[in-house]
N, C-alpha and C. Protein backbone atom coordinates (compact mmCIF):
# COMPACT_ATOMS: atom_id res chain seq x y z
N UNK A 1 28.60 156.65 79.07
CA UNK A 1 29.51 156.49 80.18
C UNK A 1 30.73 157.37 79.91
N UNK A 2 31.09 158.23 80.87
CA UNK A 2 32.23 159.13 80.72
C UNK A 2 33.55 158.41 80.94
N UNK A 3 34.60 159.08 80.63
CA UNK A 3 35.93 158.51 80.72
C UNK A 3 36.30 158.10 82.15
N UNK A 4 35.86 158.88 83.14
CA UNK A 4 36.25 158.59 84.52
C UNK A 4 35.09 158.06 85.37
N UNK A 5 34.02 157.59 84.74
CA UNK A 5 32.88 157.06 85.49
C UNK A 5 33.26 155.83 86.31
N UNK A 6 34.28 155.11 85.91
CA UNK A 6 34.68 153.93 86.66
C UNK A 6 35.15 154.30 88.06
N UNK A 7 35.59 155.57 88.25
CA UNK A 7 36.03 156.00 89.57
C UNK A 7 34.85 156.16 90.52
N UNK A 8 33.66 156.42 89.99
CA UNK A 8 32.49 156.67 90.82
C UNK A 8 31.82 155.37 91.27
N UNK A 9 32.12 154.27 90.62
CA UNK A 9 31.47 153.01 90.95
C UNK A 9 32.12 152.38 92.17
N UNK A 10 31.37 151.57 92.85
CA UNK A 10 31.91 150.85 94.00
C UNK A 10 31.61 151.57 95.30
N UNK A 11 31.90 150.90 96.35
CA UNK A 11 31.64 151.40 97.69
C UNK A 11 32.79 152.31 98.13
N UNK A 12 32.45 153.47 98.66
CA UNK A 12 33.49 154.37 99.16
C UNK A 12 33.95 153.86 100.52
N UNK A 13 35.24 153.77 100.70
CA UNK A 13 35.81 153.36 101.97
C UNK A 13 36.88 154.36 102.36
N UNK A 14 37.08 154.60 103.65
CA UNK A 14 38.15 155.50 104.06
C UNK A 14 39.51 154.91 103.69
N UNK A 15 40.45 155.78 103.48
CA UNK A 15 41.81 155.32 103.15
C UNK A 15 42.34 154.48 104.30
N UNK A 16 43.02 153.40 103.94
CA UNK A 16 43.58 152.53 104.96
C UNK A 16 44.94 153.06 105.39
N UNK A 17 45.21 152.97 106.70
CA UNK A 17 46.50 153.39 107.23
C UNK A 17 47.46 152.20 107.21
N UNK A 18 48.73 152.47 107.02
CA UNK A 18 49.71 151.38 107.14
C UNK A 18 49.66 150.81 108.56
N UNK A 19 49.97 149.56 108.71
CA UNK A 19 49.88 148.89 110.00
C UNK A 19 50.74 149.55 111.07
N UNK A 20 51.86 150.17 110.70
CA UNK A 20 52.78 150.76 111.67
C UNK A 20 52.31 152.13 112.16
N UNK A 21 51.31 152.73 111.51
CA UNK A 21 50.85 154.05 111.90
C UNK A 21 49.83 153.94 113.02
N UNK A 22 50.09 154.55 114.19
CA UNK A 22 49.13 154.46 115.28
C UNK A 22 47.86 155.26 114.95
N UNK A 23 46.73 154.79 115.41
CA UNK A 23 45.46 155.48 115.17
C UNK A 23 45.29 156.66 116.12
N UNK A 24 45.97 156.64 117.23
CA UNK A 24 45.85 157.71 118.21
C UNK A 24 47.22 158.00 118.78
N UNK A 25 47.44 159.24 119.15
CA UNK A 25 48.70 159.59 119.78
C UNK A 25 48.62 159.39 121.29
N UNK A 26 47.43 159.03 121.78
CA UNK A 26 47.26 158.81 123.21
C UNK A 26 47.78 157.43 123.57
N UNK A 27 48.65 157.37 124.55
CA UNK A 27 49.22 156.11 125.01
C UNK A 27 48.25 155.45 125.98
N UNK A 28 48.26 154.11 126.06
CA UNK A 28 47.43 153.44 127.05
C UNK A 28 47.75 153.97 128.45
N UNK A 29 46.72 154.27 129.20
CA UNK A 29 46.93 154.77 130.55
C UNK A 29 47.11 156.27 130.62
N UNK A 30 47.28 156.93 129.48
CA UNK A 30 47.47 158.38 129.47
C UNK A 30 46.11 159.05 129.57
N UNK A 31 46.04 160.13 130.32
CA UNK A 31 44.78 160.84 130.45
C UNK A 31 44.50 161.62 129.18
N UNK A 32 43.24 161.67 128.72
CA UNK A 32 42.91 162.47 127.54
C UNK A 32 43.23 163.94 127.76
N UNK A 33 43.59 164.63 126.69
CA UNK A 33 43.90 166.05 126.70
C UNK A 33 45.16 166.39 127.49
N UNK A 34 45.98 165.42 127.84
CA UNK A 34 47.24 165.71 128.52
C UNK A 34 48.22 166.25 127.50
N UNK A 35 48.90 167.32 127.84
CA UNK A 35 49.88 167.88 126.92
C UNK A 35 51.24 167.32 127.27
N UNK A 36 51.91 166.76 126.28
CA UNK A 36 53.16 166.07 126.55
C UNK A 36 54.31 167.01 126.85
N UNK A 37 54.31 168.20 126.29
CA UNK A 37 55.44 169.09 126.47
C UNK A 37 55.42 169.86 127.77
N UNK A 38 54.22 170.20 128.28
CA UNK A 38 54.18 171.07 129.43
C UNK A 38 53.74 170.38 130.71
N UNK A 39 53.40 169.11 130.64
CA UNK A 39 52.88 168.44 131.81
C UNK A 39 53.70 167.20 132.10
N UNK A 40 54.17 167.09 133.35
CA UNK A 40 54.88 165.89 133.76
C UNK A 40 53.86 164.83 134.12
N UNK A 41 54.17 163.61 133.81
CA UNK A 41 53.30 162.51 134.18
C UNK A 41 54.03 161.69 135.23
N UNK A 42 54.19 162.26 136.43
CA UNK A 42 54.90 161.60 137.51
C UNK A 42 53.88 160.89 138.37
N UNK A 43 54.11 159.64 138.62
CA UNK A 43 53.20 158.85 139.44
C UNK A 43 53.11 159.46 140.82
N UNK A 44 51.92 159.46 141.38
CA UNK A 44 51.73 160.00 142.72
C UNK A 44 52.35 159.12 143.78
N UNK A 45 52.55 157.86 143.49
CA UNK A 45 53.18 156.97 144.46
C UNK A 45 54.58 156.66 143.99
N UNK A 46 55.51 156.69 144.90
CA UNK A 46 56.88 156.34 144.53
C UNK A 46 57.09 154.86 144.82
N UNK A 47 58.03 154.27 144.08
CA UNK A 47 58.29 152.84 144.28
C UNK A 47 59.08 152.61 145.56
N UNK A 48 59.75 153.61 146.05
CA UNK A 48 60.42 153.54 147.34
C UNK A 48 60.64 154.96 147.83
N UNK A 49 61.24 155.08 148.98
CA UNK A 49 61.48 156.41 149.54
C UNK A 49 62.59 157.15 148.79
N UNK A 50 63.31 156.45 147.90
CA UNK A 50 64.46 157.05 147.24
C UNK A 50 64.28 157.27 145.74
N UNK A 51 63.07 157.04 145.21
CA UNK A 51 62.87 157.24 143.78
C UNK A 51 61.41 157.52 143.45
N UNK A 52 61.20 158.21 142.33
CA UNK A 52 59.87 158.46 141.78
C UNK A 52 59.75 157.65 140.50
N UNK A 53 58.55 157.60 139.94
CA UNK A 53 58.33 156.93 138.67
C UNK A 53 57.83 157.97 137.69
N UNK A 54 58.40 157.98 136.48
CA UNK A 54 58.02 158.92 135.43
C UNK A 54 57.66 158.12 134.19
N UNK A 55 56.54 158.47 133.55
CA UNK A 55 56.13 157.84 132.31
C UNK A 55 56.58 158.71 131.15
N UNK A 56 57.37 158.14 130.26
CA UNK A 56 57.93 158.87 129.12
C UNK A 56 56.81 159.35 128.20
N UNK A 57 56.89 160.62 127.80
CA UNK A 57 55.93 161.23 126.88
C UNK A 57 56.60 161.43 125.53
N UNK A 58 55.82 161.59 124.49
CA UNK A 58 56.35 161.87 123.17
C UNK A 58 57.20 163.13 123.20
N UNK A 59 58.38 163.09 122.63
CA UNK A 59 59.27 164.24 122.59
C UNK A 59 60.25 164.30 123.76
N UNK A 60 60.11 163.40 124.72
CA UNK A 60 61.02 163.38 125.86
C UNK A 60 62.39 162.83 125.48
N UNK A 61 63.37 163.23 126.23
CA UNK A 61 64.71 162.65 126.18
C UNK A 61 65.17 162.54 127.63
N UNK A 62 66.21 161.76 127.87
CA UNK A 62 66.69 161.63 129.24
C UNK A 62 67.17 162.98 129.78
N UNK A 63 67.76 163.80 128.92
CA UNK A 63 68.23 165.11 129.40
C UNK A 63 67.05 166.02 129.75
N UNK A 64 65.95 165.95 128.98
CA UNK A 64 64.77 166.76 129.31
C UNK A 64 64.15 166.31 130.63
N UNK A 65 64.11 165.00 130.82
CA UNK A 65 63.55 164.46 132.06
C UNK A 65 64.43 164.86 133.25
N UNK A 66 65.75 164.77 133.05
CA UNK A 66 66.68 165.17 134.12
C UNK A 66 66.53 166.66 134.45
N UNK A 67 66.35 167.48 133.44
CA UNK A 67 66.16 168.93 133.66
C UNK A 67 64.89 169.17 134.49
N UNK A 68 63.80 168.43 134.19
CA UNK A 68 62.55 168.58 134.93
C UNK A 68 62.70 168.18 136.39
N UNK A 69 63.41 167.06 136.62
CA UNK A 69 63.47 166.50 137.97
C UNK A 69 64.64 167.01 138.81
N UNK A 70 65.74 167.30 138.17
CA UNK A 70 66.93 167.71 138.92
C UNK A 70 67.34 169.15 138.66
N UNK A 71 66.78 169.77 137.62
CA UNK A 71 67.19 171.12 137.26
C UNK A 71 68.51 171.15 136.51
N UNK A 72 69.00 169.98 136.09
CA UNK A 72 70.28 169.88 135.40
C UNK A 72 70.17 168.78 134.34
N UNK A 73 70.20 169.19 133.06
CA UNK A 73 70.08 168.23 131.97
C UNK A 73 71.23 167.24 131.94
N UNK A 74 72.39 167.63 132.46
CA UNK A 74 73.56 166.74 132.46
C UNK A 74 73.43 165.58 133.45
N UNK A 75 72.40 165.58 134.27
CA UNK A 75 72.19 164.50 135.24
C UNK A 75 71.44 163.32 134.60
N UNK A 76 71.30 163.31 133.26
CA UNK A 76 70.58 162.24 132.58
C UNK A 76 71.19 160.87 132.85
N UNK A 77 72.50 160.81 133.10
CA UNK A 77 73.16 159.52 133.34
C UNK A 77 72.64 158.85 134.60
N UNK A 78 72.24 159.64 135.58
CA UNK A 78 71.68 159.10 136.82
C UNK A 78 70.40 158.32 136.51
N UNK A 79 69.56 158.89 135.62
CA UNK A 79 68.31 158.23 135.23
C UNK A 79 68.62 157.00 134.38
N UNK A 80 69.55 157.14 133.45
CA UNK A 80 69.90 156.02 132.57
C UNK A 80 70.45 154.84 133.38
N UNK A 81 71.36 155.11 134.31
CA UNK A 81 71.95 154.03 135.10
C UNK A 81 70.91 153.30 135.95
N UNK A 82 69.87 154.02 136.38
CA UNK A 82 68.82 153.40 137.19
C UNK A 82 67.82 152.61 136.34
N UNK A 83 67.88 152.79 135.00
CA UNK A 83 66.87 152.19 134.12
C UNK A 83 67.45 151.45 132.92
N UNK A 84 68.70 151.01 133.01
CA UNK A 84 69.32 150.33 131.86
C UNK A 84 68.52 149.13 131.38
N UNK A 85 67.93 148.38 132.27
CA UNK A 85 67.18 147.19 131.85
C UNK A 85 65.92 147.57 131.08
N UNK A 86 65.35 148.72 131.36
CA UNK A 86 64.16 149.19 130.65
C UNK A 86 64.52 149.86 129.33
N UNK A 87 65.57 150.70 129.36
CA UNK A 87 65.95 151.50 128.19
C UNK A 87 66.76 150.69 127.18
N UNK A 88 67.68 149.88 127.67
CA UNK A 88 68.55 149.12 126.78
C UNK A 88 69.90 149.80 126.65
N UNK A 89 70.65 149.39 125.65
CA UNK A 89 72.03 149.86 125.49
C UNK A 89 72.14 151.29 124.95
N UNK A 90 71.11 151.79 124.27
CA UNK A 90 71.18 153.12 123.67
C UNK A 90 70.31 154.10 124.46
N UNK A 91 70.92 155.02 125.22
CA UNK A 91 70.14 155.95 126.03
C UNK A 91 69.33 156.95 125.21
N UNK A 92 69.59 157.04 123.91
CA UNK A 92 68.82 157.94 123.05
C UNK A 92 67.50 157.32 122.59
N UNK A 93 67.29 156.05 122.86
CA UNK A 93 66.09 155.37 122.38
C UNK A 93 65.12 155.06 123.51
N UNK A 94 64.50 156.10 124.04
CA UNK A 94 63.43 155.89 125.00
C UNK A 94 62.11 156.03 124.25
N UNK A 95 61.08 155.33 124.72
CA UNK A 95 59.81 155.30 124.00
C UNK A 95 58.67 155.81 124.88
N UNK A 96 57.73 156.54 124.28
CA UNK A 96 56.55 156.96 125.04
C UNK A 96 55.88 155.77 125.69
N UNK A 97 55.49 155.94 126.92
CA UNK A 97 54.83 154.87 127.67
C UNK A 97 55.76 154.11 128.60
N UNK A 98 57.08 154.21 128.36
CA UNK A 98 58.01 153.54 129.27
C UNK A 98 57.93 154.21 130.64
N UNK A 99 58.01 153.40 131.68
CA UNK A 99 58.01 153.94 133.05
C UNK A 99 59.42 153.87 133.58
N UNK A 100 59.96 155.03 133.93
CA UNK A 100 61.34 155.12 134.40
C UNK A 100 61.39 155.46 135.88
N UNK A 101 62.31 154.82 136.58
CA UNK A 101 62.56 155.16 137.97
C UNK A 101 63.47 156.38 137.99
N UNK A 102 63.08 157.39 138.77
CA UNK A 102 63.87 158.62 138.89
C UNK A 102 64.43 158.66 140.31
N UNK A 103 65.72 158.38 140.46
CA UNK A 103 66.31 158.41 141.81
C UNK A 103 66.23 159.81 142.41
N UNK A 104 65.91 159.88 143.68
CA UNK A 104 65.90 161.16 144.39
C UNK A 104 67.28 161.39 145.01
N UNK A 105 67.81 162.57 144.82
CA UNK A 105 69.10 162.90 145.44
C UNK A 105 69.09 164.30 145.96
């Protein structure tokens, strides 16, 4: 028996991931092969005549979303004020999968 033969014994199993590590970067409801940086995920139906719904993608920020929808990154406060109950007290902490109302102006 060699010095490292004990490493060869036993059943091989794949390495276990920590519980906090997601197995997939795809969010529930997200279409496969959707690119988060170049594709907007705007719902085809609006919740009213005065707003659209946007699903946050990985890498998004309120200023990036505002730039996409309004052409002005500084208009992020308009989105934040319409979604405080969803976002919470810190506008820098939006999460992929959150659905935000985007007021039309």
